[in-house]
PDB file of N, CA and C in Angstrom:
ATOM      1  N   MET A   1      -8.407-218.672 113.918  1.00  0.00           N
ATOM      2  CA  MET A   1      -7.718-217.235 114.168  1.00  0.00           C
ATOM      3  C   MET A   1      -5.950-216.634 114.053  1.00  0.00           C
ATOM      4  N   THR A   2      -6.439-215.689 113.108  1.00  0.00           N
ATOM      5  CA  THR A   2      -4.210-215.183 112.584  1.00  0.00           C
ATOM      6  C   THR A   2      -3.997-214.117 113.483  1.00  0.00           C
ATOM      7  N   THR A   3      -2.816-214.258 113.800  1.00  0.00           N
ATOM      8  CA  THR A   3      -2.293-213.387 114.648  1.00  0.00           C
ATOM      9  C   THR A   3      -0.461-213.382 114.423  1.00  0.00           C
ATOM     10  N   ILE A   4      -0.666-212.149 114.251  1.00  0.00           N
ATOM     11  CA  ILE A   4       0.667-211.466 114.748  1.00  0.00           C
ATOM     12  C   ILE A   4       1.672-210.894 115.620  1.00  0.00           C
ATOM     13  N   LEU A   5       2.790-211.336 115.506  1.00  0.00           N
ATOM     14  CA  LEU A   5       3.994-211.049 116.078  1.00  0.00           C
ATOM     15  C   LEU A   5       5.046-209.428 114.456  1.00  0.00           C
ATOM     16  N   LEU A   6       3.972-208.178 115.372  1.00  0.00           N
ATOM     17  CA  LEU A   6       4.766-207.316 114.624  1.00  0.00           C
ATOM     18  C   LEU A   6       5.960-206.655 115.518  1.00  0.00           C
ATOM     19  N   VAL A   7       7.417-206.489 115.029  1.00  0.00           N
ATOM     20  CA  VAL A   7       8.028-206.066 115.641  1.00  0.00           C
ATOM     21  C   VAL A   7       8.821-205.525 114.671  1.00  0.00           C
ATOM     22  N   GLU A   8       9.073-203.598 115.735  1.00  0.00           N
ATOM     23  CA  GLU A   8       9.273-202.862 115.198  1.00  0.00           C
ATOM     24  C   GLU A   8       9.145-202.105 116.785  1.00  0.00           C
ATOM     25  N   ASP A   9      10.926-200.656 116.323  1.00  0.00           N
ATOM     26  CA  ASP A   9      11.438-200.504 117.961  1.00  0.00           C
ATOM     27  C   ASP A   9      10.339-199.141 118.109  1.00  0.00           C
ATOM     28  N   GLU A  10       9.903-198.299 116.761  1.00  0.00           N
ATOM     29  CA  GLU A  10       9.513-197.457 116.774  1.00  0.00           C
ATOM     30  C   GLU A  10       7.753-197.314 116.999  1.00  0.00           C
ATOM     31  N   VAL A  11       7.955-196.722 118.738  1.00  0.00           N
ATOM     32  CA  VAL A  11       6.101-197.318 119.614  1.00  0.00           C
ATOM     33  C   VAL A  11       5.509-196.965 119.070  1.00  0.00           C
ATOM     34  N   LEU A  12       5.005-195.557 118.223  1.00  0.00           N
ATOM     35  CA  LEU A  12       4.466-194.696 117.901  1.00  0.00           C
ATOM     36  C   LEU A  12       3.405-195.961 116.442  1.00  0.00           C
ATOM     37  N   LEU A  13       4.715-195.957 115.692  1.00  0.00           N
ATOM     38  CA  LEU A  13       3.909-196.805 114.336  1.00  0.00           C
ATOM     39  C   LEU A  13       3.840-197.933 114.811  1.00  0.00           C
ATOM     40  N   ARG A  14       4.338-198.824 115.895  1.00  0.00           N
ATOM     41  CA  ARG A  14       4.042-199.314 116.167  1.00  0.00           C
ATOM     42  C   ARG A  14       2.231-199.558 116.191  1.00  0.00           C
ATOM     43  N   GLU A  15       2.113-199.325 118.155  1.00  0.00           N
ATOM     44  CA  GLU A  15       1.139-199.707 117.896  1.00  0.00           C
ATOM     45  C   GLU A  15       0.195-198.429 117.055  1.00  0.00           C
ATOM     46  N   GLY A  16       0.382-197.648 115.691  1.00  0.00           N
ATOM     47  CA  GLY A  16      -0.525-197.376 115.392  1.00  0.00           C
ATOM     48  C   GLY A  16      -1.007-198.427 114.072  1.00  0.00           C
ATOM     49  N   VAL A  17       0.433-199.274 113.656  1.00  0.00           N
ATOM     50  CA  VAL A  17      -0.498-200.627 112.769  1.00  0.00           C
ATOM     51  C   VAL A  17      -0.700-201.708 113.421  1.00  0.00           C
ATOM     52  N   GLN A  18      -0.560-201.802 114.630  1.00  0.00           N
ATOM     53  CA  GLN A  18      -1.269-202.690 115.362  1.00  0.00           C
ATOM     54  C   GLN A  18      -2.714-202.093 115.165  1.00  0.00           C
ATOM     55  N   GLU A  19      -3.240-201.219 115.360  1.00  0.00           N
ATOM     56  CA  GLU A  19      -4.392-200.837 115.950  1.00  0.00           C
ATOM     57  C   GLU A  19      -4.873-201.077 114.295  1.00  0.00           C
ATOM     58  N   THR A  20      -4.688-200.471 113.436  1.00  0.00           N
ATOM     59  CA  THR A  20      -5.187-200.834 111.706  1.00  0.00           C
ATOM     60  C   THR A  20      -5.175-202.242 111.889  1.00  0.00           C
ATOM     61  N   LEU A  21      -4.217-202.966 112.116  1.00  0.00           N
ATOM     62  CA  LEU A  21      -4.357-204.524 112.072  1.00  0.00           C
ATOM     63  C   LEU A  21      -5.689-205.099 112.450  1.00  0.00           C
ATOM     64  N   GLU A  22      -5.813-204.983 113.449  1.00  0.00           N
ATOM     65  CA  GLU A  22      -6.754-205.199 114.925  1.00  0.00           C
ATOM     66  C   GLU A  22      -8.423-204.317 114.333  1.00  0.00           C
ATOM     67  N   MET A  23      -8.239-203.713 113.451  1.00  0.00           N
ATOM     68  CA  MET A  23      -9.920-202.820 113.123  1.00  0.00           C
ATOM     69  C   MET A  23      -9.631-204.065 111.933  1.00  0.00           C
ATOM     70  N   PHE A  24      -8.646-204.775 110.998  1.00  0.00           N
ATOM     71  CA  PHE A  24      -9.280-205.932 110.103  1.00  0.00           C
ATOM     72  C   PHE A  24      -9.902-206.660 110.635  1.00  0.00           C
ATOM     73  N   GLY A  25      -9.224-206.686 112.143  1.00  0.00           N
ATOM     74  CA  GLY A  25      -9.614-208.698 112.453  1.00  0.00           C
ATOM     75  C   GLY A  25      -8.267-209.308 112.893  1.00  0.00           C
ATOM     76  N   TYR A  26      -7.449-208.402 113.264  1.00  0.00           N
ATOM     77  CA  TYR A  26      -6.410-209.577 113.658  1.00  0.00           C
ATOM     78  C   TYR A  26      -5.799-209.440 114.959  1.00  0.00           C
ATOM     79  N   THR A  27      -5.469-211.065 115.545  1.00  0.00           N
ATOM     80  CA  THR A  27      -4.710-210.477 117.142  1.00  0.00           C
ATOM     81  C   THR A  27      -3.026-209.706 116.610  1.00  0.00           C
ATOM     82  N   VAL A  28      -2.963-208.925 117.469  1.00  0.00           N
ATOM     83  CA  VAL A  28      -1.443-208.659 116.617  1.00  0.00           C
ATOM     84  C   VAL A  28      -1.093-208.895 118.346  1.00  0.00           C
ATOM     85  N   ILE A  29       0.762-208.704 118.504  1.00  0.00           N
ATOM     86  CA  ILE A  29       1.431-208.872 119.566  1.00  0.00           C
ATOM     87  C   ILE A  29       2.956-207.568 119.197  1.00  0.00           C
ATOM     88  N   GLY A  30       2.796-207.432 119.646  1.00  0.00           N
ATOM     89  CA  GLY A  30       3.845-206.148 119.785  1.00  0.00           C
ATOM     90  C   GLY A  30       5.392-206.203 120.288  1.00  0.00           C
ATOM     91  N   ALA A  31       6.211-206.597 119.275  1.00  0.00           N
ATOM     92  CA  ALA A  31       6.936-206.387 119.784  1.00  0.00           C
ATOM     93  C   ALA A  31       8.518-205.190 119.718  1.00  0.00           C
ATOM     94  N   GLY A  32       8.741-204.617 120.846  1.00  0.00           N
ATOM     95  CA  GLY A  32      10.419-204.132 120.560  1.00  0.00           C
ATOM     96  C   GLY A  32      11.960-204.250 120.016  1.00  0.00           C
ATOM     97  N   ASP A  33      11.930-206.025 119.615  1.00  0.00           N
ATOM     98  CA  ASP A  33      13.470-205.921 118.663  1.00  0.00           C
ATOM     99  C   ASP A  33      13.210-207.505 118.885  1.00  0.00           C
ATOM    100  N   GLY A  34      14.234-207.920 118.237  1.00  0.00           N
ATOM    101  CA  GLY A  34      14.319-209.439 117.292  1.00  0.00           C
ATOM    102  C   GLY A  34      13.917-209.796 119.185  1.00  0.00           C
ATOM    103  N   LEU A  35      15.207-209.622 120.073  1.00  0.00           N
ATOM    104  CA  LEU A  35      14.771-210.422 120.774  1.00  0.00           C
ATOM    105  C   LEU A  35      13.741-210.742 121.709  1.00  0.00           C
ATOM    106  N   GLU A  36      13.269-209.758 121.447  1.00  0.00           N
ATOM    107  CA  GLU A  36      11.449-209.533 122.480  1.00  0.00           C
ATOM    108  C   GLU A  36      10.642-210.796 121.881  1.00  0.00           C
ATOM    109  N   ALA A  37      10.882-210.698 120.000  1.00  0.00           N
ATOM    110  CA  ALA A  37      10.195-211.336 119.327  1.00  0.00           C
ATOM    111  C   ALA A  37      10.419-213.181 119.479  1.00  0.00           C
ATOM    112  N   LEU A  38      11.451-212.701 119.386  1.00  0.00           N
ATOM    113  CA  LEU A  38      12.027-214.635 119.381  1.00  0.00           C
ATOM    114  C   LEU A  38      11.405-215.278 120.484  1.00  0.00           C
ATOM    115  N   GLU A  39      11.385-214.341 122.075  1.00  0.00           N
ATOM    116  CA  GLU A  39      10.394-214.857 123.049  1.00  0.00           C
ATOM    117  C   GLU A  39       9.137-215.281 122.695  1.00  0.00           C
ATOM    118  N   TRP A  40       8.545-214.054 122.372  1.00  0.00           N
ATOM    119  CA  TRP A  40       6.969-214.328 121.578  1.00  0.00           C
ATOM    120  C   TRP A  40       7.103-215.584 121.048  1.00  0.00           C
ATOM    121  N   LEU A  41       7.780-216.304 120.486  1.00  0.00           N
ATOM    122  CA  LEU A  41       7.586-217.387 118.960  1.00  0.00           C
ATOM    123  C   LEU A  41       8.082-218.629 120.014  1.00  0.00           C
ATOM    124  N   GLU A  42       8.625-218.461 121.167  1.00  0.00           N
ATOM    125  CA  GLU A  42       8.052-219.688 121.617  1.00  0.00           C
ATOM    126  C   GLU A  42       7.463-219.854 122.842  1.00  0.00           C
ATOM    127  N   GLN A  43       6.197-218.916 122.747  1.00  0.00           N
ATOM    128  CA  GLN A  43       4.816-218.564 124.192  1.00  0.00           C
ATOM    129  C   GLN A  43       3.787-218.584 123.432  1.00  0.00           C
ATOM    130  N   THR A  44       3.511-218.428 122.166  1.00  0.00           N
ATOM    131  CA  THR A  44       2.673-218.099 121.627  1.00  0.00           C
ATOM    132  C   THR A  44       2.581-218.985 119.697  1.00  0.00           C
ATOM    133  N   PRO A  45       1.251-219.132 119.444  1.00  0.00           N
ATOM    134  CA  PRO A  45       1.386-219.718 118.183  1.00  0.00           C
ATOM    135  C   PRO A  45       0.703-218.663 117.265  1.00  0.00           C
ATOM    136  N   ILE A  46       2.391-218.383 116.074  1.00  0.00           N
ATOM    137  CA  ILE A  46       2.234-216.475 115.171  1.00  0.00           C
ATOM    138  C   ILE A  46       1.762-217.890 113.651  1.00  0.00           C
ATOM    139  N   SER A  47       1.172-216.704 113.323  1.00  0.00           N
ATOM    140  CA  SER A  47       0.584-217.513 111.894  1.00  0.00           C
ATOM    141  C   SER A  47       1.163-216.537 110.845  1.00  0.00           C
ATOM    142  N   LEU A  48       2.063-215.388 110.985  1.00  0.00           N
ATOM    143  CA  LEU A  48       2.115-214.151 110.129  1.00  0.00           C
ATOM    144  C   LEU A  48       3.902-213.070 111.567  1.00  0.00           C
ATOM    145  N   ILE A  49       4.532-212.660 110.706  1.00  0.00           N
ATOM    146  CA  ILE A  49       5.461-211.666 111.315  1.00  0.00           C
ATOM    147  C   ILE A  49       5.369-210.993 109.860  1.00  0.00           C
ATOM    148  N   ILE A  50       5.539-209.391 110.833  1.00  0.00           N
ATOM    149  CA  ILE A  50       6.051-208.421 109.880  1.00  0.00           C
ATOM    150  C   ILE A  50       6.820-207.623 111.298  1.00  0.00           C
ATOM    151  N   THR A  51       8.350-207.878 110.093  1.00  0.00           N
ATOM    152  CA  THR A  51       9.208-206.667 110.827  1.00  0.00           C
ATOM    153  C   THR A  51      10.473-205.724 110.432  1.00  0.00           C
ATOM    154  N   ASP A  52      11.066-205.010 110.770  1.00  0.00           N
ATOM    155  CA  ASP A  52      11.250-203.371 110.437  1.00  0.00           C
ATOM    156  C   ASP A  52      12.718-204.383 110.973  1.00  0.00           C
ATOM    157  N   LEU A  53      13.599-203.622 109.851  1.00  0.00           N
ATOM    158  CA  LEU A  53      15.015-204.327 109.527  1.00  0.00           C
ATOM    159  C   LEU A  53      16.144-203.345 111.008  1.00  0.00           C
ATOM    160  N   VAL A  54      16.067-202.212 110.964  1.00  0.00           N
ATOM    161  CA  VAL A  54      16.681-201.527 111.565  1.00  0.00           C
ATOM    162  C   VAL A  54      15.793-201.919 112.869  1.00  0.00           C
ATOM    163  N   MET A  55      16.732-202.356 114.564  1.00  0.00           N
ATOM    164  CA  MET A  55      16.266-202.118 115.668  1.00  0.00           C
ATOM    165  C   MET A  55      17.679-202.542 116.467  1.00  0.00           C
ATOM    166  N   PRO A  56      17.723-201.895 117.486  1.00  0.00           N
ATOM    167  CA  PRO A  56      18.892-202.132 119.169  1.00  0.00           C
ATOM    168  C   PRO A  56      18.305-203.782 119.000  1.00  0.00           C
ATOM    169  N   LYS A  57      19.276-204.023 119.858  1.00  0.00           N
ATOM    170  CA  LYS A  57      19.259-205.419 120.161  1.00  0.00           C
ATOM    171  C   LYS A  57      20.110-206.916 118.833  1.00  0.00           C
ATOM    172  N   MET A  58      18.935-206.830 118.466  1.00  0.00           N
ATOM    173  CA  MET A  58      18.769-208.110 117.472  1.00  0.00           C
ATOM    174  C   MET A  58      18.473-206.802 115.792  1.00  0.00           C
ATOM    175  N   ASN A  59      19.514-207.077 114.871  1.00  0.00           N
ATOM    176  CA  ASN A  59      18.499-206.187 113.591  1.00  0.00           C
ATOM    177  C   ASN A  59      17.574-207.073 112.937  1.00  0.00           C
ATOM    178  N   GLY A  60      17.220-206.435 112.010  1.00  0.00           N
ATOM    179  CA  GLY A  60      15.641-207.555 111.569  1.00  0.00           C
ATOM    180  C   GLY A  60      16.405-208.372 110.420  1.00  0.00           C
ATOM    181  N   VAL A  61      17.503-208.298 110.274  1.00  0.00           N
ATOM    182  CA  VAL A  61      18.090-209.497 109.470  1.00  0.00           C
ATOM    183  C   VAL A  61      18.412-211.305 110.118  1.00  0.00           C
ATOM    184  N   ALA A  62      19.259-210.065 111.255  1.00  0.00           N
ATOM    185  CA  ALA A  62      19.677-211.966 112.369  1.00  0.00           C
ATOM    186  C   ALA A  62      18.367-212.307 113.092  1.00  0.00           C
ATOM    187  N   PHE A  63      17.292-211.244 113.257  1.00  0.00           N
ATOM    188  CA  PHE A  63      16.092-212.437 113.659  1.00  0.00           C
ATOM    189  C   PHE A  63      15.178-212.784 112.585  1.00  0.00           C
ATOM    190  N   ILE A  64      15.223-212.472 111.790  1.00  0.00           N
ATOM    191  CA  ILE A  64      14.840-213.599 109.951  1.00  0.00           C
ATOM    192  C   ILE A  64      15.044-214.931 110.248  1.00  0.00           C
ATOM    193  N   GLU A  65      16.561-215.041 110.589  1.00  0.00           N
ATOM    194  CA  GLU A  65      18.038-215.470 110.538  1.00  0.00           C
ATOM    195  C   GLU A  65      17.179-216.960 111.517  1.00  0.00           C
ATOM    196  N   GLN A  66      17.478-215.981 112.496  1.00  0.00           N
ATOM    197  CA  GLN A  66      17.212-217.218 113.773  1.00  0.00           C
ATOM    198  C   GLN A  66      15.138-217.694 113.629  1.00  0.00           C
ATOM    199  N   VAL A  67      14.644-217.216 113.150  1.00  0.00           N
ATOM    200  CA  VAL A  67      13.559-217.181 112.564  1.00  0.00           C
ATOM    201  C   VAL A  67      13.349-218.680 111.995  1.00  0.00           C
ATOM    202  N   ARG A  68      13.806-218.345 110.997  1.00  0.00           N
ATOM    203  CA  ARG A  68      13.872-219.090 109.879  1.00  0.00           C
ATOM    204  C   ARG A  68      14.605-220.727 110.373  1.00  0.00           C
ATOM    205  N   ILE A  69      16.074-220.494 111.466  1.00  0.00           N
ATOM    206  CA  ILE A  69      15.809-222.559 111.627  1.00  0.00           C
ATOM    207  C   ILE A  69      14.380-222.743 112.380  1.00  0.00           C
ATOM    208  N   LYS A  70      14.272-222.448 113.482  1.00  0.00           N
ATOM    209  CA  LYS A  70      12.893-223.198 114.206  1.00  0.00           C
ATOM    210  C   LYS A  70      11.936-222.921 112.990  1.00  0.00           C
ATOM    211  N   TYR A  71      11.466-222.028 112.614  1.00  0.00           N
ATOM    212  CA  TYR A  71      10.063-222.115 111.900  1.00  0.00           C
ATOM    213  C   TYR A  71      10.332-221.862 110.274  1.00  0.00           C
ATOM    214  N   PRO A  72      11.076-222.638 109.709  1.00  0.00           N
ATOM    215  CA  PRO A  72      11.343-222.081 108.108  1.00  0.00           C
ATOM    216  C   PRO A  72      10.312-221.902 107.096  1.00  0.00           C
ATOM    217  N   ARG A  73       8.432-221.969 107.250  1.00  0.00           N
ATOM    218  CA  ARG A  73       7.370-222.124 106.820  1.00  0.00           C
ATOM    219  C   ARG A  73       6.677-220.154 106.908  1.00  0.00           C
ATOM    220  N   LEU A  74       7.132-220.295 108.330  1.00  0.00           N
ATOM    221  CA  LEU A  74       5.805-219.258 108.955  1.00  0.00           C
ATOM    222  C   LEU A  74       6.179-218.271 107.830  1.00  0.00           C
ATOM    223  N   PRO A  75       4.884-217.765 107.512  1.00  0.00           N
ATOM    224  CA  PRO A  75       5.286-216.407 106.544  1.00  0.00           C
ATOM    225  C   PRO A  75       5.839-215.288 107.166  1.00  0.00           C
ATOM    226  N   ILE A  76       6.864-214.140 106.759  1.00  0.00           N
ATOM    227  CA  ILE A  76       7.336-212.805 107.127  1.00  0.00           C
ATOM    228  C   ILE A  76       7.500-211.882 106.393  1.00  0.00           C
ATOM    229  N   ILE A  77       7.059-210.365 106.631  1.00  0.00           N
ATOM    230  CA  ILE A  77       6.851-209.418 106.114  1.00  0.00           C
ATOM    231  C   ILE A  77       7.978-209.067 106.429  1.00  0.00           C
ATOM    232  N   VAL A  78       8.356-208.056 105.418  1.00  0.00           N
ATOM    233  CA  VAL A  78       9.892-207.079 106.055  1.00  0.00           C
ATOM    234  C   VAL A  78       9.206-205.738 105.541  1.00  0.00           C
ATOM    235  N   ALA A  79       9.130-204.779 106.827  1.00  0.00           N
ATOM    236  CA  ALA A  79       8.876-203.347 106.522  1.00  0.00           C
ATOM    237  C   ALA A  79       9.553-202.589 107.000  1.00  0.00           C
ATOM    238  N   SER A  80      10.090-201.384 105.909  1.00  0.00           N
ATOM    239  CA  SER A  80      12.063-201.215 106.094  1.00  0.00           C
ATOM    240  C   SER A  80      11.562-199.918 105.352  1.00  0.00           C
ATOM    241  N   GLY A  81      12.712-198.863 105.634  1.00  0.00           N
ATOM    242  CA  GLY A  81      12.653-198.027 104.320  1.00  0.00           C
ATOM    243  C   GLY A  81      13.543-198.627 104.044  1.00  0.00           C
ATOM    244  N   SER A  82      14.218-198.371 102.502  1.00  0.00           N
ATOM    245  CA  SER A  82      14.716-198.937 102.022  1.00  0.00           C
ATOM    246  C   SER A  82      16.458-197.973 101.898  1.00  0.00           C
ATOM    247  N   THR A  83      15.933-196.914 102.253  1.00  0.00           N
ATOM    248  CA  THR A  83      17.229-196.061 102.273  1.00  0.00           C
ATOM    249  C   THR A  83      19.051-197.142 101.953  1.00  0.00           C
ATOM    250  N   GLU A  84      19.759-195.900 100.827  1.00  0.00           N
ATOM    251  CA  GLU A  84      20.934-196.513 100.845  1.00  0.00           C
ATOM    252  C   GLU A  84      21.658-196.767 102.287  1.00  0.00           C
ATOM    253  N   SER A  85      21.447-196.426 102.986  1.00  0.00           N
ATOM    254  CA  SER A  85      22.364-196.468 104.438  1.00  0.00           C
ATOM    255  C   SER A  85      22.214-197.400 105.484  1.00  0.00           C
ATOM    256  N   VAL A  86      21.135-198.344 105.732  1.00  0.00           N
ATOM    257  CA  VAL A  86      20.128-198.920 106.252  1.00  0.00           C
ATOM    258  C   VAL A  86      20.435-200.242 105.135  1.00  0.00           C
ATOM    259  N   THR A  87      20.667-199.816 103.750  1.00  0.00           N
ATOM    260  CA  THR A  87      21.036-201.393 103.189  1.00  0.00           C
ATOM    261  C   THR A  87      22.198-201.743 103.997  1.00  0.00           C
ATOM    262  N   SER A  88      23.205-200.878 103.241  1.00  0.00           N
ATOM    263  CA  SER A  88      24.329-201.257 103.511  1.00  0.00           C
ATOM    264  C   SER A  88      24.959-202.011 104.962  1.00  0.00           C
ATOM    265  N   ARG A  89      24.211-200.115 105.955  1.00  0.00           N
ATOM    266  CA  ARG A  89      24.638-201.038 107.291  1.00  0.00           C
ATOM    267  C   ARG A  89      24.363-201.906 107.676  1.00  0.00           C
ATOM    268  N   LEU A  90      23.136-202.827 107.296  1.00  0.00           N
ATOM    269  CA  LEU A  90      22.526-204.486 107.311  1.00  0.00           C
ATOM    270  C   LEU A  90      23.384-205.172 106.633  1.00  0.00           C
ATOM    271  N   GLY A  91      24.180-204.451 104.947  1.00  0.00           N
ATOM    272  CA  GLY A  91      25.141-205.692 104.465  1.00  0.00           C
ATOM    273  C   GLY A  91      24.060-206.869 103.575  1.00  0.00           C
ATOM    274  N   ILE A  92      23.167-205.994 103.225  1.00  0.00           N
ATOM    275  CA  ILE A  92      22.081-206.166 101.975  1.00  0.00           C
ATOM    276  C   ILE A  92      21.989-205.028 101.077  1.00  0.00           C
ATOM    277  N   ASP A  93      21.670-205.912  99.733  1.00  0.00           N
ATOM    278  CA  ASP A  93      21.928-205.165  98.317  1.00  0.00           C
ATOM    279  C   ASP A  93      20.762-203.975  98.794  1.00  0.00           C
ATOM    280  N   THR A  94      19.340-205.099  98.277  1.00  0.00           N
ATOM    281  CA  THR A  94      17.817-204.805  98.685  1.00  0.00           C
ATOM    282  C   THR A  94      17.157-204.782 100.209  1.00  0.00           C
ATOM    283  N   ILE A  95      16.368-204.109  99.643  1.00  0.00           N
ATOM    284  CA  ILE A  95      14.862-204.467 101.201  1.00  0.00           C
ATOM    285  C   ILE A  95      14.500-205.819 100.780  1.00  0.00           C
ATOM    286  N   HIS A  96      14.213-206.397  99.709  1.00  0.00           N
ATOM    287  CA  HIS A  96      13.889-207.409  99.370  1.00  0.00           C
ATOM    288  C   HIS A  96      15.270-209.077 100.742  1.00  0.00           C
ATOM    289  N   VAL A  97      14.951-209.097 101.370  1.00  0.00           N
ATOM    290  CA  VAL A  97      15.967-210.329 102.645  1.00  0.00           C
ATOM    291  C   VAL A  97      15.531-211.258 102.265  1.00  0.00           C
ATOM    292  N   PRO A  98      16.855-211.966 102.331  1.00  0.00           N
ATOM    293  CA  PRO A  98      16.671-213.370 102.608  1.00  0.00           C
ATOM    294  C   PRO A  98      15.554-213.830 103.225  1.00  0.00           C
ATOM    295  N   GLY A  99      15.026-214.941 103.264  1.00  0.00           N
ATOM    296  CA  GLY A  99      14.251-215.639 104.431  1.00  0.00           C
ATOM    297  C   GLY A  99      12.908-214.262 104.101  1.00  0.00           C
ATOM    298  N   ALA A 100      13.011-213.484 103.929  1.00  0.00           N
ATOM    299  CA  ALA A 100      11.595-212.840 104.140  1.00  0.00           C
ATOM    300  C   ALA A 100      10.289-213.027 102.316  1.00  0.00           C
ATOM    301  N   THR A 101       9.152-213.434 103.301  1.00  0.00           N
ATOM    302  CA  THR A 101       8.642-213.607 101.859  1.00  0.00           C
ATOM    303  C   THR A 101       8.002-212.342 101.467  1.00  0.00           C
ATOM    304  N   ALA A 102       7.559-211.302 101.946  1.00  0.00           N
ATOM    305  CA  ALA A 102       7.082-209.917 100.571  1.00  0.00           C
ATOM    306  C   ALA A 102       8.270-208.713 101.459  1.00  0.00           C
ATOM    307  N   CYS A 103       8.338-207.228 100.329  1.00  0.00           N
ATOM    308  CA  CYS A 103       8.700-206.673 101.788  1.00  0.00           C
ATOM    309  C   CYS A 103       7.895-205.677 101.149  1.00  0.00           C
ATOM    310  N   ILE A 104       7.463-204.188 102.335  1.00  0.00           N
ATOM    311  CA  ILE A 104       7.539-203.533 101.661  1.00  0.00           C
ATOM    312  C   ILE A 104       7.426-201.924 102.357  1.00  0.00           C
ATOM    313  N   THR A 105       7.686-201.067 101.776  1.00  0.00           N
ATOM    314  CA  THR A 105       8.803-199.728 101.310  1.00  0.00           C
ATOM    315  C   THR A 105       8.307-198.874 103.481  1.00  0.00           C
ATOM    316  N   LYS A 106       8.978-198.759 103.810  1.00  0.00           N
ATOM    317  CA  LYS A 106       7.879-197.219 105.294  1.00  0.00           C
ATOM    318  C   LYS A 106       8.302-195.327 104.406  1.00  0.00           C
ATOM    319  N   PRO A 107       7.745-195.258 104.164  1.00  0.00           N
ATOM    320  CA  PRO A 107       6.106-194.897 104.817  1.00  0.00           C
ATOM    321  C   PRO A 107       5.518-195.430 103.556  1.00  0.00           C
ATOM    322  N   PHE A 108       4.018-196.504 104.244  1.00  0.00           N
ATOM    323  CA  PHE A 108       3.585-197.440 103.352  1.00  0.00           C
ATOM    324  C   PHE A 108       1.995-196.970 103.562  1.00  0.00           C
ATOM    325  N   LYS A 109       1.465-196.770 103.403  1.00  0.00           N
ATOM    326  CA  LYS A 109      -0.043-196.654 103.177  1.00  0.00           C
ATOM    327  C   LYS A 109      -0.874-197.924 103.566  1.00  0.00           C
ATOM    328  N   SER A 110      -2.515-197.526 104.574  1.00  0.00           N
ATOM    329  CA  SER A 110      -2.696-198.432 105.521  1.00  0.00           C
ATOM    330  C   SER A 110      -3.030-199.771 104.836  1.00  0.00           C
ATOM    331  N   GLN A 111      -3.448-198.955 103.918  1.00  0.00           N
ATOM    332  CA  GLN A 111      -4.538-199.661 102.886  1.00  0.00           C
ATOM    333  C   GLN A 111      -3.457-201.523 102.214  1.00  0.00           C
ATOM    334  N   ASP A 112      -2.434-201.023 102.027  1.00  0.00           N
ATOM    335  CA  ASP A 112      -0.920-201.692 100.421  1.00  0.00           C
ATOM    336  C   ASP A 112      -0.836-202.324 101.946  1.00  0.00           C
ATOM    337  N   LEU A 113      -0.663-201.845 103.050  1.00  0.00           N
ATOM    338  CA  LEU A 113       0.204-203.171 104.227  1.00  0.00           C
ATOM    339  C   LEU A 113      -0.738-204.588 104.076  1.00  0.00           C
ATOM    340  N   MET A 114      -2.261-204.083 104.646  1.00  0.00           N
ATOM    341  CA  MET A 114      -3.536-204.817 104.782  1.00  0.00           C
ATOM    342  C   MET A 114      -3.882-205.408 103.075  1.00  0.00           C
ATOM    343  N   ASP A 115      -3.770-204.865 102.533  1.00  0.00           N
ATOM    344  CA  ASP A 115      -3.365-205.897 100.945  1.00  0.00           C
ATOM    345  C   ASP A 115      -2.030-206.935 101.185  1.00  0.00           C
ATOM    346  N   LEU A 116      -1.298-206.669 101.755  1.00  0.00           N
ATOM    347  CA  LEU A 116       0.095-207.740 101.440  1.00  0.00           C
ATOM    348  C   LEU A 116      -0.280-208.641 102.537  1.00  0.00           C
ATOM    349  N   VAL A 117      -0.657-208.230 103.182  1.00  0.00           N
ATOM    350  CA  VAL A 117      -0.704-209.105 104.871  1.00  0.00           C
ATOM    351  C   VAL A 117      -2.140-210.050 104.610  1.00  0.00           C
ATOM    352  N   ALA A 118      -2.810-210.071 104.144  1.00  0.00           N
ATOM    353  CA  ALA A 118      -4.108-210.577 103.196  1.00  0.00           C
ATOM    354  C   ALA A 118      -3.645-211.705 102.491  1.00  0.00           C
ATOM    355  N   GLN A 119      -3.263-211.481 101.518  1.00  0.00           N
ATOM    356  CA  GLN A 119      -1.811-211.484 100.303  1.00  0.00           C
ATOM    357  C   GLN A 119      -1.287-213.294 100.838  1.00  0.00           C
ATOM    358  N   VAL A 120      -0.207-212.451 101.288  1.00  0.00           N
ATOM    359  CA  VAL A 120       0.870-213.295 102.540  1.00  0.00           C
ATOM    360  C   VAL A 120       0.011-214.853 103.207  1.00  0.00           C
ATOM    361  N   ILE A 121      -1.173-214.261 103.883  1.00  0.00           N
ATOM    362  CA  ILE A 121      -1.987-214.960 105.156  1.00  0.00           C
ATOM    363  C   ILE A 121      -2.351-215.956 103.563  1.00  0.00           C
ATOM    364  N   THR A 122      -3.359-215.780 102.780  1.00  0.00           N
ATOM    365  CA  THR A 122      -4.235-216.121 101.833  1.00  0.00           C
ATOM    366  C   THR A 122      -2.860-217.770 101.126  1.00  0.00           C
ATOM    367  N   ASP A 123      -1.773-217.124  99.971  1.00  0.00           N
ATOM    368  CA  ASP A 123      -0.752-217.259  99.704  1.00  0.00           C
ATOM    369  C   ASP A 123      -0.585-218.956 101.065  1.00  0.00           C
ATOM    370  N   ASP A 124       0.151-218.688 102.172  1.00  0.00           N
ATOM    371  CA  ASP A 124       0.810-219.149 103.515  1.00  0.00           C
ATOM    372  C   ASP A 124      -0.746-220.835 103.400  1.00  0.00           C
ATOM    373  N   VAL A 125      -1.831-220.496 103.195  1.00  0.00           N
ATOM    374  CA  VAL A 125      -3.606-221.051 103.845  1.00  0.00           C
ATOM    375  C   VAL A 125      -2.867-222.344 102.218  1.00  0.00           C
ATOM    376  N   ALA A 126      -3.141-221.804 100.924  1.00  0.00           N
ATOM    377  CA  ALA A 126      -2.780-222.375  99.690  1.00  0.00           C
ATOM    378  C   ALA A 126      -1.397-223.385  99.824  1.00  0.00           C
ATOM    379  N   GLN A 127      -1.104-222.816 100.344  1.00  0.00           N
ATOM    380  CA  GLN A 127       0.285-223.690 100.455  1.00  0.00           C
ATOM    381  C   GLN A 127       0.292-225.306 101.243  1.00  0.00           C
TER     382      GLN A 127
END
């Protein structure tokens, strides 16, 4: 069973993405910020993380850094807007965040996300 940790502070977006992932047979745990997501990682075996970058309490860059300390091989997809204000505020040059396995730009089509999830999970299993 593949369990995905979905880290997104926008409730409606998180619920919509969660519903889509569940329709494709994935088990999904939703978290509103990086701190809550780190708690879930301690409690539940996770196969994949999908995270936003701009969130309260702990942004996505800091969250990924923390995940990489304890879970260096856990696949992470960053799903975020690629606006210049977001990237400059977080001190990164592009949406390609250090430590991320893959990235997708919001807004994205559900099928594009599902294709990326399937690719990342397949690549992870092959390693």
